[in-house]
Amino acid sequence: MKQETIVQQTAVETPRFVLRPLRTSDAGLLEFYASDRRVAEMTTTIPHPLPPGAAEAFVAKAQRDDRREHVWAMDSSEQGGAELMGVISLEQMDRNQSEIGYWVAPTMWGTGLASEAVKALVAANPLMNDTIFASVFQDNPGSARVLTNAKFAYLGDAEAFSVARNAKVPTWTYLRKLS
């Protein structure tokens, strides 16, 4: 029997779910949801179609001691819900800043899950950041509302490359000062 080692990472509780570190057992649901074109095309990094082993590699990277991106699963299993409903991450940048990223399973869209996760992670501020940045594709106004609901301020327009779309996509960029 193989025993799993998880690198210490703060869990964050919300009324409906917990944000917890990724586990090796999350790979199956990660693959299922990330394989959905609608999810992949709203991110910069998820390819479509998702190659074999990509979910396992993502989990392994998130568990490394030297990681720059800290990833949490949105888990409501303690409340009788799904073990993985989406993910949220903070990628460390220089000058005590991070960039937040998130996606939610399509079955959970419109439930306020992303808003609750972003607000909880910002309030917990597990990396003790002074500033958190975010950007969303302009054809995803729901994600923009998530950020404005969490008191992120609009900075301006930009563009980012989407692997799934194989194209540069216009974005809206946001900032939240924490200190």
Protein backbone atom coordinates (compact mmCIF):
# COMPACT_ATOMS: atom_id res chain seq x y z
CA MET A 1 0.00 0.00 0.00
CA LYS A 2 1.33 3.42 -0.97
CA GLN A 3 0.93 6.18 1.58
CA GLU A 4 0.38 9.65 0.16
CA THR A 5 2.41 12.61 1.43
CA ILE A 6 0.83 16.03 1.09
CA VAL A 7 2.96 19.13 1.48
CA GLN A 8 1.62 21.37 4.22
CA GLN A 9 -0.75 24.01 2.91
CA THR A 10 -3.39 25.90 4.84
CA ALA A 11 -6.99 24.71 4.45
CA VAL A 12 -9.64 27.44 4.31
CA GLU A 13 -13.19 26.78 5.49
CA THR A 14 -16.31 28.41 4.08
CA PRO A 15 -19.94 27.80 5.07
CA ARG A 16 -20.54 25.43 2.10
CA PHE A 17 -17.16 23.82 1.47
CA VAL A 18 -13.49 23.71 2.38
CA LEU A 19 -10.56 24.80 0.25
CA ARG A 20 -7.99 22.07 0.76
CA PRO A 21 -4.71 21.04 -0.85
CA LEU A 22 -4.97 18.79 -3.87
CA ARG A 23 -4.67 15.05 -3.32
CA THR A 24 -3.52 12.40 -5.76
CA SER A 25 -7.07 11.03 -5.66
CA ASP A 26 -8.34 14.32 -7.19
CA ALA A 27 -6.77 13.53 -10.57
CA GLY A 28 -9.81 11.68 -11.93
CA LEU A 29 -12.29 14.50 -11.30
CA LEU A 30 -9.73 17.10 -12.37
CA GLU A 31 -9.35 15.25 -15.66
CA PHE A 32 -13.12 14.92 -16.07
CA TYR A 33 -13.82 18.64 -15.57
CA ALA A 34 -10.69 20.03 -17.24
CA SER A 35 -11.44 17.90 -20.31
CA ASP A 36 -14.62 19.94 -20.83
CA ARG A 37 -13.95 22.45 -23.63
CA ARG A 38 -16.02 25.10 -21.79
CA VAL A 39 -13.66 24.92 -18.80
CA ALA A 40 -10.42 24.71 -20.80
CA GLU A 41 -11.27 27.66 -23.05
CA MET A 42 -11.77 29.98 -20.07
CA THR A 43 -8.22 29.35 -18.81
CA THR A 44 -4.82 30.23 -20.17
CA THR A 45 -3.15 26.91 -19.34
CA ILE A 46 -5.54 23.98 -19.80
CA PRO A 47 -5.17 22.41 -23.27
CA HIS A 48 -8.08 20.94 -25.18
CA PRO A 49 -8.17 18.07 -25.71
CA LEU A 50 -6.51 17.32 -22.38
CA PRO A 51 -3.54 14.99 -22.96
CA PRO A 52 -3.23 11.74 -21.00
CA GLY A 53 -1.49 12.25 -17.66
CA ALA A 54 -2.06 16.02 -17.55
CA ALA A 55 -4.26 15.88 -14.45
CA GLU A 56 -1.79 13.68 -12.59
CA ALA A 57 1.07 15.99 -13.57
CA PHE A 58 -0.91 19.02 -12.35
CA VAL A 59 -1.51 17.38 -8.96
CA ALA A 60 2.15 16.34 -8.65
CA LYS A 61 3.29 19.89 -9.44
CA ALA A 62 0.85 21.32 -6.88
CA GLN A 63 2.29 19.00 -4.20
CA ARG A 64 5.95 19.89 -4.76
CA ASP A 65 7.85 21.55 -1.91
CA ASP A 66 9.30 24.15 -4.30
CA ARG A 67 5.99 25.08 -5.96
CA ARG A 68 5.27 28.68 -6.98
CA GLU A 69 1.57 27.99 -7.47
CA HIS A 70 -0.49 26.93 -4.46
CA VAL A 71 -3.65 25.08 -5.51
CA TRP A 72 -6.75 24.29 -3.45
CA ALA A 73 -9.66 21.98 -4.28
CA MET A 74 -13.18 23.21 -3.59
CA ASP A 75 -14.45 20.25 -1.53
CA SER A 76 -17.96 19.93 -0.04
CA SER A 77 -17.74 16.23 0.87
CA GLU A 78 -18.03 17.03 4.60
CA GLN A 79 -21.39 18.67 3.85
CA GLY A 80 -22.55 15.72 1.72
CA GLY A 81 -21.51 17.26 -1.60
CA ALA A 82 -18.85 16.61 -4.19
CA GLU A 83 -15.21 16.02 -3.28
CA LEU A 84 -14.01 18.34 -6.05
CA MET A 85 -16.17 21.10 -7.55
CA GLY A 86 -13.37 23.27 -8.90
CA VAL A 87 -9.94 24.62 -8.07
CA ILE A 88 -8.49 27.95 -6.99
CA SER A 89 -4.84 28.92 -6.93
CA LEU A 90 -2.40 31.62 -5.95
CA GLU A 91 0.72 31.87 -8.09
CA GLN A 92 3.50 33.66 -6.25
CA MET A 93 5.02 36.68 -7.95
CA ASP A 94 7.75 39.06 -6.83
CA ARG A 95 7.27 41.89 -4.28
CA ASN A 96 4.89 39.90 -2.04
CA GLN A 97 2.22 39.57 -4.73
CA SER A 98 0.26 36.67 -6.21
CA GLU A 99 -2.06 36.07 -9.11
CA ILE A 100 -5.31 34.29 -8.33
CA GLY A 101 -6.86 31.83 -10.75
CA TYR A 102 -9.91 29.59 -10.50
CA TRP A 103 -12.32 27.43 -12.41
CA VAL A 104 -15.51 25.69 -11.38
CA ALA A 105 -17.14 22.53 -12.74
CA PRO A 106 -19.88 23.45 -15.24
CA THR A 107 -22.54 21.74 -13.10
CA MET A 108 -21.74 24.32 -10.39
CA TRP A 109 -21.83 27.43 -12.59
CA GLY A 110 -24.14 30.15 -11.32
CA THR A 111 -24.17 28.88 -7.72
CA GLY A 112 -21.83 31.49 -6.22
CA LEU A 113 -19.16 28.87 -5.61
CA ALA A 114 -16.35 30.83 -7.29
CA SER A 115 -17.31 34.04 -5.47
CA GLU A 116 -17.30 32.25 -2.12
CA ALA A 117 -13.94 30.62 -2.85
CA VAL A 118 -12.27 33.87 -3.98
CA LYS A 119 -13.60 35.84 -0.98
CA ALA A 120 -12.51 33.11 1.45
CA LEU A 121 -9.01 32.77 0.00
CA VAL A 122 -8.48 36.54 -0.08
CA ALA A 123 -9.71 36.86 3.53
CA ALA A 124 -7.42 34.03 4.67
CA ASN A 125 -4.47 35.45 2.69
CA PRO A 126 -2.43 32.27 3.26
CA LEU A 127 0.66 33.60 1.47
CA MET A 128 0.52 36.89 3.38
CA ASN A 129 0.39 38.88 0.15
CA ASP A 130 0.17 42.65 -0.06
CA THR A 131 -1.50 42.48 -3.47
CA ILE A 132 -3.39 39.90 -5.51
CA PHE A 133 -3.85 40.27 -9.26
CA ALA A 134 -6.31 38.54 -11.55
CA SER A 135 -7.32 38.53 -15.17
CA VAL A 136 -10.31 37.05 -16.94
CA PHE A 137 -11.19 36.67 -20.59
CA GLN A 138 -13.56 39.36 -21.77
CA ASP A 139 -16.01 36.74 -23.04
CA ASN A 140 -16.39 35.47 -19.45
CA PRO A 141 -18.28 38.25 -17.64
CA GLY A 142 -19.28 35.84 -14.86
CA SER A 143 -15.65 35.59 -13.75
CA ALA A 144 -15.36 39.37 -13.87
CA ARG A 145 -18.35 39.61 -11.50
CA VAL A 146 -16.64 37.13 -9.15
CA LEU A 147 -13.68 39.50 -8.89
CA THR A 148 -15.68 42.72 -8.50
CA ASN A 149 -17.84 41.00 -5.84
CA ALA A 150 -14.59 40.24 -3.98
CA LYS A 151 -13.60 43.94 -4.13
CA PHE A 152 -11.00 43.62 -6.87
CA ALA A 153 -10.48 46.90 -8.73
CA TYR A 154 -10.42 46.98 -12.52
CA LEU A 155 -6.99 47.96 -13.88
CA GLY A 156 -7.47 47.77 -17.63
CA ASP A 157 -7.57 45.67 -20.75
CA ALA A 158 -4.83 43.32 -21.85
CA GLU A 159 -4.59 40.00 -23.62
CA ALA A 160 -3.39 36.52 -22.73
CA PHE A 161 -2.70 33.38 -24.71
CA SER A 162 -5.19 30.53 -24.27
CA VAL A 163 -3.68 27.11 -24.92
CA ALA A 164 -7.12 25.57 -25.54
CA ARG A 165 -8.04 28.26 -28.06
CA ASN A 166 -4.52 28.47 -29.51
CA ALA A 167 -4.96 32.23 -29.68
CA LYS A 168 -4.46 35.49 -27.84
CA VAL A 169 -7.68 36.49 -26.10
CA PRO A 170 -8.66 39.95 -24.77
CA THR A 171 -8.69 40.12 -20.96
CA TRP A 172 -9.77 42.40 -18.17
CA THR A 173 -7.15 42.80 -15.43
CA TYR A 174 -7.93 43.34 -11.74
CA LEU A 175 -6.08 44.12 -8.50
CA ARG A 176 -6.87 43.71 -4.82
CA LYS A 177 -4.66 45.44 -2.26
CA LEU A 178 -4.55 43.63 1.08
CA SER A 179 -2.35 45.92 3.14
